[in-house]
Amino acid sequence: MKLRTIALAGVTALTLTGLGSGLALAQSGPPPVASIPSLTGKSTSVKLDSGFTDALSSLQVTPAPTGSATVEDGTASFPITGGNVTVYKPGEVTPYVQGMIMHDGSGLSLTKGDTKVTLEDFVIDPGQPATLKGKVSANGATVADSVTLFDLDGSTLKPITTDASAGTATLTGTTVKLSTDAADALNKAFSTDALKGGTTVGIATIVVNLPGSDGGSGMPGAMPKGGAETGGGSTATGGVDTTLIAGGVLALAVAGGALVVVRRRAGTRS
């Protein structure tokens, strides 16, 4: 099937299901290269950097999971609860990677004495730049429903892997950094100036279900042949495993906080 035909089918499905509303699809705009209108978990986890945890300890700030999140062996994990991803040909739409990765009902609390700051309901946004936003509460009162908490650096990404028996695809290596706004807010809450924007929080790993492995209705499109490069790092492998593409490589690349660049091999045509 021609790539354009597949892309048009994706647009039709998004329109019929009503899932295209959050993807800025213009009626007269170009069709997407590929889309996953209904993303399902597993999780986004962050191996916390010792520099960040040591800084919290020096401030006598204690981190803890909230809701369905867990923290084990220095890794904080947040279940993926939904989302969508659409990718356009670079240059035709800006940004050409659109969508969100949602983590409702989980987060982290930071406590010092009588002050407890909660960061929760994370949403990964693959825009320019890529960020992780969330709700912020202080001692139970909502401070902001959605604010940029972390900046995502995809230049440290490692190649994507799949586990056919588990029905999952995994991307690891994205560097998570504390945003300047979040650092300023935390400094104010805890009466300090020790936290800095750009501080490395940890390294993220994202695991998503392959469409069909969990009974989901994800309908990915197709990507052009060739390698895929993310951010300043590369997941290029020469030829592309079509099972991996169908399994959610687009969602993983977006969840990794990187802008996906689709390359065609010289001489190939869709």
C-alpha atoms as a PDB file:
ATOM      1  CA  MET A   1       0.000   0.000   0.000  1.00  0.00           C
ATOM      2  CA  LYS A   2       1.263   3.429  -0.872  1.00  0.00           C
ATOM      3  CA  LEU A   3       2.355   5.620   2.036  1.00  0.00           C
ATOM      4  CA  ARG A   4      -0.061   8.399   1.088  1.00  0.00           C
ATOM      5  CA  THR A   5      -2.986   5.957   1.096  1.00  0.00           C
ATOM      6  CA  ILE A   6      -2.034   4.725   4.577  1.00  0.00           C
ATOM      7  CA  ALA A   7      -1.672   8.271   5.873  1.00  0.00           C
ATOM      8  CA  LEU A   8      -5.079   9.249   4.500  1.00  0.00           C
ATOM      9  CA  ALA A   9      -6.606   6.182   6.163  1.00  0.00           C
ATOM     10  CA  GLY A  10      -5.133   7.360   9.466  1.00  0.00           C
ATOM     11  CA  VAL A  11      -6.686  10.797   9.068  1.00  0.00           C
ATOM     12  CA  THR A  12     -10.072   9.233   8.287  1.00  0.00           C
ATOM     13  CA  ALA A  13      -9.908   7.010  11.362  1.00  0.00           C
ATOM     14  CA  LEU A  14      -8.966   9.955  13.587  1.00  0.00           C
ATOM     15  CA  THR A  15     -11.879  11.981  12.247  1.00  0.00           C
ATOM     16  CA  LEU A  16     -14.410   9.178  12.649  1.00  0.00           C
ATOM     17  CA  THR A  17     -13.368   8.355  16.197  1.00  0.00           C
ATOM     18  CA  GLY A  18     -13.056  11.984  17.267  1.00  0.00           C
ATOM     19  CA  LEU A  19      -9.517  11.361  18.476  1.00  0.00           C
ATOM     20  CA  GLY A  20      -7.982  13.953  16.222  1.00  0.00           C
ATOM     21  CA  SER A  21      -9.231  16.927  18.193  1.00  0.00           C
ATOM     22  CA  GLY A  22      -6.055  17.272  20.253  1.00  0.00           C
ATOM     23  CA  LEU A  23      -3.660  16.794  17.360  1.00  0.00           C
ATOM     24  CA  ALA A  24      -4.184  20.081  15.507  1.00  0.00           C
ATOM     25  CA  LEU A  25      -5.224  18.329  12.301  1.00  0.00           C
ATOM     26  CA  ALA A  26      -6.250  20.919   9.746  1.00  0.00           C
ATOM     27  CA  GLN A  27      -8.956  19.976   7.262  1.00  0.00           C
ATOM     28  CA  SER A  28      -6.962  21.411   4.383  1.00  0.00           C
ATOM     29  CA  GLY A  29      -3.521  20.502   5.737  1.00  0.00           C
ATOM     30  CA  PRO A  30      -1.232  17.678   4.648  1.00  0.00           C
ATOM     31  CA  PRO A  31      -1.987  14.122   5.826  1.00  0.00           C
ATOM     32  CA  PRO A  32       0.199  12.644   8.588  1.00  0.00           C
ATOM     33  CA  VAL A  33       2.924  10.139   7.834  1.00  0.00           C
ATOM     34  CA  ALA A  34       1.696   7.968  10.697  1.00  0.00           C
ATOM     35  CA  SER A  35      -0.469   8.071  13.790  1.00  0.00           C
ATOM     36  CA  ILE A  36      -1.311   6.159  16.950  1.00  0.00           C
ATOM     37  CA  PRO A  37      -4.632   7.681  18.065  1.00  0.00           C
ATOM     38  CA  SER A  38      -4.968   5.630  21.245  1.00  0.00           C
ATOM     39  CA  LEU A  39      -1.793   4.976  23.221  1.00  0.00           C
ATOM     40  CA  THR A  40      -1.730   2.460  26.061  1.00  0.00           C
ATOM     41  CA  GLY A  41       0.784   1.842  28.922  1.00  0.00           C
ATOM     42  CA  LYS A  42       2.993   0.378  30.465  1.00  0.00           C
ATOM     43  CA  SER A  43       4.959   3.123  32.180  1.00  0.00           C
ATOM     44  CA  THR A  44       7.455   5.951  32.211  1.00  0.00           C
ATOM     45  CA  SER A  45      10.187   5.466  34.799  1.00  0.00           C
ATOM     46  CA  VAL A  46      13.095   7.667  35.841  1.00  0.00           C
ATOM     47  CA  LYS A  47      16.316   6.386  37.364  1.00  0.00           C
ATOM     48  CA  LEU A  48      16.955   9.236  39.783  1.00  0.00           C
ATOM     49  CA  ASP A  49      20.363  10.887  39.501  1.00  0.00           C
ATOM     50  CA  SER A  50      22.450  10.765  42.678  1.00  0.00           C
ATOM     51  CA  GLY A  51      23.261  14.468  42.325  1.00  0.00           C
ATOM     52  CA  PHE A  52      19.564  15.318  42.452  1.00  0.00           C
ATOM     53  CA  THR A  53      18.748  13.000  45.363  1.00  0.00           C
ATOM     54  CA  ASP A  54      21.826  14.208  47.272  1.00  0.00           C
ATOM     55  CA  ALA A  55      20.684  17.797  46.787  1.00  0.00           C
ATOM     56  CA  LEU A  56      17.266  16.928  48.208  1.00  0.00           C
ATOM     57  CA  SER A  57      18.881  15.159  51.154  1.00  0.00           C
ATOM     58  CA  SER A  58      21.090  18.149  51.900  1.00  0.00           C
ATOM     59  CA  LEU A  59      17.959  20.285  52.024  1.00  0.00           C
ATOM     60  CA  GLN A  60      16.225  17.687  54.214  1.00  0.00           C
ATOM     61  CA  VAL A  61      13.575  17.241  51.530  1.00  0.00           C
ATOM     62  CA  THR A  62      12.125  13.712  51.310  1.00  0.00           C
ATOM     63  CA  PRO A  63      10.700  12.428  47.998  1.00  0.00           C
ATOM     64  CA  ALA A  64       7.918   9.832  47.951  1.00  0.00           C
ATOM     65  CA  PRO A  65       5.518   8.362  45.357  1.00  0.00           C
ATOM     66  CA  THR A  66       1.865   9.416  45.228  1.00  0.00           C
ATOM     67  CA  GLY A  67      -1.160   7.630  43.781  1.00  0.00           C
ATOM     68  CA  SER A  68      -0.193   4.697  41.554  1.00  0.00           C
ATOM     69  CA  ALA A  69       3.474   5.742  41.278  1.00  0.00           C
ATOM     70  CA  THR A  70       6.244   3.639  42.838  1.00  0.00           C
ATOM     71  CA  VAL A  71       9.819   4.326  43.900  1.00  0.00           C
ATOM     72  CA  GLU A  72      12.055   1.267  44.170  1.00  0.00           C
ATOM     73  CA  ASP A  73      15.850   0.994  44.145  1.00  0.00           C
ATOM     74  CA  GLY A  74      16.197   4.657  43.192  1.00  0.00           C
ATOM     75  CA  THR A  75      13.771   4.469  40.252  1.00  0.00           C
ATOM     76  CA  ALA A  76      10.445   6.328  40.168  1.00  0.00           C
ATOM     77  CA  SER A  77       7.787   4.777  37.910  1.00  0.00           C
ATOM     78  CA  PHE A  78       4.528   6.286  36.650  1.00  0.00           C
ATOM     79  CA  PRO A  79       1.882   4.227  34.780  1.00  0.00           C
ATOM     80  CA  ILE A  80       0.956   5.494  31.308  1.00  0.00           C
ATOM     81  CA  THR A  81      -2.811   6.043  31.247  1.00  0.00           C
ATOM     82  CA  GLY A  82      -3.397   7.280  27.701  1.00  0.00           C
ATOM     83  CA  GLY A  83      -2.351   9.613  24.946  1.00  0.00           C
ATOM     84  CA  ASN A  84      -1.918   9.889  21.195  1.00  0.00           C
ATOM     85  CA  VAL A  85       0.797  10.535  18.644  1.00  0.00           C
ATOM     86  CA  THR A  86       0.741  11.911  15.101  1.00  0.00           C
ATOM     87  CA  VAL A  87       3.795  12.467  12.892  1.00  0.00           C
ATOM     88  CA  TYR A  88       3.876  14.639   9.765  1.00  0.00           C
ATOM     89  CA  LYS A  89       6.542  14.998   7.127  1.00  0.00           C
ATOM     90  CA  PRO A  90       9.180  17.426   8.500  1.00  0.00           C
ATOM     91  CA  GLY A  91       8.639  20.899   7.095  1.00  0.00           C
ATOM     92  CA  GLU A  92       4.958  20.421   6.233  1.00  0.00           C
ATOM     93  CA  VAL A  93       3.551  21.012   9.725  1.00  0.00           C
ATOM     94  CA  THR A  94       5.147  22.652  12.787  1.00  0.00           C
ATOM     95  CA  PRO A  95       5.712  20.941  15.104  1.00  0.00           C
ATOM     96  CA  TYR A  96       5.631  17.829  12.942  1.00  0.00           C
ATOM     97  CA  VAL A  97       5.430  15.481  15.962  1.00  0.00           C
ATOM     98  CA  GLN A  98       2.191  16.112  17.879  1.00  0.00           C
ATOM     99  CA  GLY A  99       0.301  14.467  20.718  1.00  0.00           C
ATOM    100  CA  MET A 100       0.746  13.662  24.403  1.00  0.00           C
ATOM    101  CA  ILE A 101       1.656  10.874  26.829  1.00  0.00           C
ATOM    102  CA  MET A 102      -0.525  10.916  29.951  1.00  0.00           C
ATOM    103  CA  HIS A 103       0.138   9.663  33.491  1.00  0.00           C
ATOM    104  CA  ASP A 104      -3.057  10.446  35.413  1.00  0.00           C
ATOM    105  CA  GLY A 105      -3.306   9.546  39.087  1.00  0.00           C
ATOM    106  CA  SER A 106       0.388   9.317  39.923  1.00  0.00           C
ATOM    107  CA  GLY A 107       3.244  11.605  40.870  1.00  0.00           C
ATOM    108  CA  LEU A 108       5.849  12.555  43.465  1.00  0.00           C
ATOM    109  CA  SER A 109       5.673  14.403  46.754  1.00  0.00           C
ATOM    110  CA  LEU A 110       8.536  16.433  48.226  1.00  0.00           C
ATOM    111  CA  THR A 111       8.287  17.010  51.962  1.00  0.00           C
ATOM    112  CA  LYS A 112      10.277  19.128  54.394  1.00  0.00           C
ATOM    113  CA  GLY A 113       8.904  19.668  57.878  1.00  0.00           C
ATOM    114  CA  ASP A 114       5.337  20.927  57.563  1.00  0.00           C
ATOM    115  CA  THR A 115       5.682  21.702  53.842  1.00  0.00           C
ATOM    116  CA  LYS A 116       4.604  19.111  51.284  1.00  0.00           C
ATOM    117  CA  VAL A 117       4.752  19.854  47.548  1.00  0.00           C
ATOM    118  CA  THR A 118       3.084  17.347  45.215  1.00  0.00           C
ATOM    119  CA  LEU A 119       3.844  17.012  41.497  1.00  0.00           C
ATOM    120  CA  GLU A 120       1.360  14.761  39.684  1.00  0.00           C
ATOM    121  CA  ASP A 121      -0.729  13.945  36.588  1.00  0.00           C
ATOM    122  CA  PHE A 122       2.302  14.195  34.312  1.00  0.00           C
ATOM    123  CA  VAL A 123       1.838  14.884  30.600  1.00  0.00           C
ATOM    124  CA  ILE A 124       4.760  14.508  28.190  1.00  0.00           C
ATOM    125  CA  ASP A 125       4.565  17.082  25.394  1.00  0.00           C
ATOM    126  CA  PRO A 126       6.827  16.468  22.357  1.00  0.00           C
ATOM    127  CA  GLY A 127       6.702  20.102  21.233  1.00  0.00           C
ATOM    128  CA  GLN A 128       9.590  22.461  20.661  1.00  0.00           C
ATOM    129  CA  PRO A 129      11.156  22.098  23.197  1.00  0.00           C
ATOM    130  CA  ALA A 130       9.977  18.761  24.599  1.00  0.00           C
ATOM    131  CA  THR A 131       8.697  19.025  28.164  1.00  0.00           C
ATOM    132  CA  LEU A 132       6.931  17.195  30.951  1.00  0.00           C
ATOM    133  CA  LYS A 133       4.099  19.166  32.512  1.00  0.00           C
ATOM    134  CA  GLY A 134       2.062  18.436  35.596  1.00  0.00           C
ATOM    135  CA  LYS A 135      -0.195  19.612  38.384  1.00  0.00           C
ATOM    136  CA  VAL A 136       1.424  21.229  41.432  1.00  0.00           C
ATOM    137  CA  SER A 137      -0.081  21.277  44.928  1.00  0.00           C
ATOM    138  CA  ALA A 138       1.265  22.644  48.213  1.00  0.00           C
ATOM    139  CA  ASN A 139      -0.091  21.215  51.465  1.00  0.00           C
ATOM    140  CA  GLY A 140      -3.158  19.977  49.613  1.00  0.00           C
ATOM    141  CA  ALA A 141      -4.003  23.232  47.810  1.00  0.00           C
ATOM    142  CA  THR A 142      -3.603  23.392  44.024  1.00  0.00           C
ATOM    143  CA  VAL A 143      -0.929  25.880  42.978  1.00  0.00           C
ATOM    144  CA  ALA A 144      -1.109  25.202  39.216  1.00  0.00           C
ATOM    145  CA  ASP A 145      -3.139  22.737  37.150  1.00  0.00           C
ATOM    146  CA  SER A 146      -0.482  22.482  34.453  1.00  0.00           C
ATOM    147  CA  VAL A 147       3.062  23.829  34.537  1.00  0.00           C
ATOM    148  CA  THR A 148       6.355  22.747  32.969  1.00  0.00           C
ATOM    149  CA  LEU A 149       8.183  20.685  35.578  1.00  0.00           C
ATOM    150  CA  PHE A 150      10.932  19.014  33.587  1.00  0.00           C
ATOM    151  CA  ASP A 151      12.754  19.582  30.308  1.00  0.00           C
ATOM    152  CA  LEU A 152      13.447  16.471  28.203  1.00  0.00           C
ATOM    153  CA  ASP A 153      16.724  15.982  26.341  1.00  0.00           C
ATOM    154  CA  GLY A 154      16.544  13.251  23.683  1.00  0.00           C
ATOM    155  CA  SER A 155      20.192  13.540  22.607  1.00  0.00           C
ATOM    156  CA  THR A 156      21.135  10.717  25.007  1.00  0.00           C
ATOM    157  CA  LEU A 157      18.626   8.190  23.646  1.00  0.00           C
ATOM    158  CA  LYS A 158      19.587   4.574  23.060  1.00  0.00           C
ATOM    159  CA  PRO A 159      18.233   2.348  20.254  1.00  0.00           C
ATOM    160  CA  ILE A 160      14.649   1.182  20.660  1.00  0.00           C
ATOM    161  CA  THR A 161      14.106  -2.466  21.639  1.00  0.00           C
ATOM    162  CA  THR A 162      11.066  -4.755  21.518  1.00  0.00           C
ATOM    163  CA  ASP A 163       9.989  -7.829  23.464  1.00  0.00           C
ATOM    164  CA  ALA A 164       7.649  -9.881  21.295  1.00  0.00           C
ATOM    165  CA  SER A 165       6.736 -12.285  24.104  1.00  0.00           C
ATOM    166  CA  ALA A 166       5.754  -9.425  26.414  1.00  0.00           C
ATOM    167  CA  GLY A 167       4.144  -7.404  23.627  1.00  0.00           C
ATOM    168  CA  THR A 168       6.086  -4.264  24.501  1.00  0.00           C
ATOM    169  CA  ALA A 169       8.524  -1.761  23.024  1.00  0.00           C
ATOM    170  CA  THR A 170      11.043   0.171  25.105  1.00  0.00           C
ATOM    171  CA  LEU A 171      13.011   3.380  24.731  1.00  0.00           C
ATOM    172  CA  THR A 172      15.579   4.412  27.318  1.00  0.00           C
ATOM    173  CA  GLY A 173      18.151   7.150  27.700  1.00  0.00           C
ATOM    174  CA  THR A 174      16.241  10.445  27.671  1.00  0.00           C
ATOM    175  CA  THR A 175      17.739  12.878  30.172  1.00  0.00           C
ATOM    176  CA  VAL A 176      15.171  14.529  32.451  1.00  0.00           C
ATOM    177  CA  LYS A 177      16.143  17.986  33.737  1.00  0.00           C
ATOM    178  CA  LEU A 178      14.509  20.246  36.299  1.00  0.00           C
ATOM    179  CA  SER A 179      12.913  23.245  34.615  1.00  0.00           C
ATOM    180  CA  THR A 180      13.785  26.759  35.740  1.00  0.00           C
ATOM    181  CA  ASP A 181      10.167  27.453  36.723  1.00  0.00           C
ATOM    182  CA  ALA A 182       9.985  24.298  38.829  1.00  0.00           C
ATOM    183  CA  ALA A 183      13.323  25.053  40.505  1.00  0.00           C
ATOM    184  CA  ASP A 184      12.182  28.581  41.373  1.00  0.00           C
ATOM    185  CA  ALA A 185       8.882  27.299  42.779  1.00  0.00           C
ATOM    186  CA  LEU A 186      10.546  24.616  44.894  1.00  0.00           C
ATOM    187  CA  ASN A 187      13.151  27.052  46.172  1.00  0.00           C
ATOM    188  CA  LYS A 188      10.368  29.373  47.288  1.00  0.00           C
ATOM    189  CA  ALA A 189       8.402  26.550  48.923  1.00  0.00           C
ATOM    190  CA  PHE A 190      11.404  25.264  50.857  1.00  0.00           C
ATOM    191  CA  SER A 191      13.046  28.652  51.558  1.00  0.00           C
ATOM    192  CA  THR A 192      16.280  27.940  49.706  1.00  0.00           C
ATOM    193  CA  ASP A 193      18.126  28.841  46.533  1.00  0.00           C
ATOM    194  CA  ALA A 194      19.952  25.534  46.130  1.00  0.00           C
ATOM    195  CA  LEU A 195      17.841  24.044  43.330  1.00  0.00           C
ATOM    196  CA  LYS A 196      18.801  25.151  39.821  1.00  0.00           C
ATOM    197  CA  GLY A 197      17.054  24.934  36.489  1.00  0.00           C
ATOM    198  CA  GLY A 198      18.813  22.450  34.220  1.00  0.00           C
ATOM    199  CA  THR A 199      19.751  20.111  37.083  1.00  0.00           C
ATOM    200  CA  THR A 200      19.691  16.495  35.894  1.00  0.00           C
ATOM    201  CA  VAL A 201      16.878  14.639  37.640  1.00  0.00           C
ATOM    202  CA  GLY A 202      17.538  11.280  36.028  1.00  0.00           C
ATOM    203  CA  ILE A 203      17.340   9.068  32.946  1.00  0.00           C
ATOM    204  CA  ALA A 204      13.932   8.022  31.621  1.00  0.00           C
ATOM    205  CA  THR A 205      12.753   4.671  30.287  1.00  0.00           C
ATOM    206  CA  ILE A 206       9.395   4.394  28.509  1.00  0.00           C
ATOM    207  CA  VAL A 207       7.609   1.083  27.918  1.00  0.00           C
ATOM    208  CA  VAL A 208       4.449   0.941  25.803  1.00  0.00           C
ATOM    209  CA  ASN A 209       2.205  -1.917  24.715  1.00  0.00           C
ATOM    210  CA  LEU A 210       2.390  -2.992  21.102  1.00  0.00           C
ATOM    211  CA  PRO A 211      -1.003  -2.277  19.481  1.00  0.00           C
ATOM    212  CA  GLY A 212      -3.128  -5.411  19.677  1.00  0.00           C
ATOM    213  CA  SER A 213      -1.122  -6.911  22.541  1.00  0.00           C
ATOM    214  CA  ASP A 214      -3.583  -5.615  25.131  1.00  0.00           C
ATOM    215  CA  GLY A 215      -6.763  -5.577  23.106  1.00  0.00           C
ATOM    216  CA  GLY A 216      -6.275  -1.907  22.366  1.00  0.00           C
ATOM    217  CA  SER A 217      -7.458  -0.163  19.225  1.00  0.00           C
ATOM    218  CA  GLY A 218      -4.254   1.609  18.306  1.00  0.00           C
ATOM    219  CA  MET A 219      -3.996   2.080  14.574  1.00  0.00           C
ATOM    220  CA  PRO A 220      -0.479   3.100  13.609  1.00  0.00           C
ATOM    221  CA  GLY A 221       0.287   4.168  10.107  1.00  0.00           C
ATOM    222  CA  ALA A 222       3.483   3.438   8.252  1.00  0.00           C
ATOM    223  CA  MET A 223       6.807   5.239   8.201  1.00  0.00           C
ATOM    224  CA  PRO A 224       9.076   5.682   5.194  1.00  0.00           C
ATOM    225  CA  LYS A 225      11.830   3.137   4.797  1.00  0.00           C
ATOM    226  CA  GLY A 226      15.201   3.960   6.309  1.00  0.00           C
ATOM    227  CA  GLY A 227      16.575   4.908   9.698  1.00  0.00           C
ATOM    228  CA  ALA A 228      14.969   7.055  12.370  1.00  0.00           C
ATOM    229  CA  GLU A 229      17.035   9.596  14.226  1.00  0.00           C
ATOM    230  CA  THR A 230      15.982  11.203  17.487  1.00  0.00           C
ATOM    231  CA  GLY A 231      17.318  14.452  18.842  1.00  0.00           C
ATOM    232  CA  GLY A 232      21.103  14.578  18.927  1.00  0.00           C
ATOM    233  CA  GLY A 233      21.235  10.816  19.507  1.00  0.00           C
ATOM    234  CA  SER A 234      20.331   8.183  16.960  1.00  0.00           C
ATOM    235  CA  THR A 235      18.097   5.149  16.905  1.00  0.00           C
ATOM    236  CA  ALA A 236      19.064   4.455  13.331  1.00  0.00           C
ATOM    237  CA  THR A 237      19.406   0.747  12.580  1.00  0.00           C
ATOM    238  CA  GLY A 238      19.600   0.750   8.802  1.00  0.00           C
ATOM    239  CA  GLY A 239      16.448  -1.095   7.808  1.00  0.00           C
ATOM    240  CA  VAL A 240      13.372  -0.585   9.941  1.00  0.00           C
ATOM    241  CA  ASP A 241      11.591  -3.524  11.594  1.00  0.00           C
ATOM    242  CA  THR A 242       7.965  -3.186  10.471  1.00  0.00           C
ATOM    243  CA  THR A 243       6.773  -4.973  13.607  1.00  0.00           C
ATOM    244  CA  LEU A 244       8.529  -2.343  15.695  1.00  0.00           C
ATOM    245  CA  ILE A 245       6.898   0.455  13.730  1.00  0.00           C
ATOM    246  CA  ALA A 246       3.473  -1.126  14.179  1.00  0.00           C
ATOM    247  CA  GLY A 247       4.283  -1.668  17.816  1.00  0.00           C
ATOM    248  CA  GLY A 248       4.665   1.955  18.763  1.00  0.00           C
ATOM    249  CA  VAL A 249       8.077   3.331  17.789  1.00  0.00           C
ATOM    250  CA  LEU A 250       6.412   6.677  17.143  1.00  0.00           C
ATOM    251  CA  ALA A 251       4.947   6.843  20.610  1.00  0.00           C
ATOM    252  CA  LEU A 252       8.243   5.846  22.174  1.00  0.00           C
ATOM    253  CA  ALA A 253      10.217   8.437  20.288  1.00  0.00           C
ATOM    254  CA  VAL A 254       7.776  11.118  21.326  1.00  0.00           C
ATOM    255  CA  ALA A 255       7.675   9.898  24.881  1.00  0.00           C
ATOM    256  CA  GLY A 256      11.418  10.088  24.921  1.00  0.00           C
ATOM    257  CA  GLY A 257      11.088  13.829  24.487  1.00  0.00           C
ATOM    258  CA  ALA A 258      12.815  13.859  21.124  1.00  0.00           C
ATOM    259  CA  LEU A 259      11.795  15.240  17.771  1.00  0.00           C
ATOM    260  CA  VAL A 260      11.578  12.364  15.345  1.00  0.00           C
ATOM    261  CA  VAL A 261      13.298  12.899  12.030  1.00  0.00           C
ATOM    262  CA  VAL A 262      12.171  10.537   9.315  1.00  0.00           C
ATOM    263  CA  ARG A 263      14.774   9.827   6.712  1.00  0.00           C
ATOM    264  CA  ARG A 264      14.359   8.087   3.428  1.00  0.00           C
ATOM    265  CA  ARG A 265      17.109   6.036   1.856  1.00  0.00           C
ATOM    266  CA  ALA A 266      18.468   7.562  -1.326  1.00  0.00           C
ATOM    267  CA  GLY A 267      16.428   6.408  -4.264  1.00  0.00           C
ATOM    268  CA  THR A 268      13.476   4.955  -2.307  1.00  0.00           C
ATOM    269  CA  ARG A 269       9.958   6.174  -2.885  1.00  0.00           C
ATOM    270  CA  SER A 270       6.801   5.549  -0.903  1.00  0.00           C
END
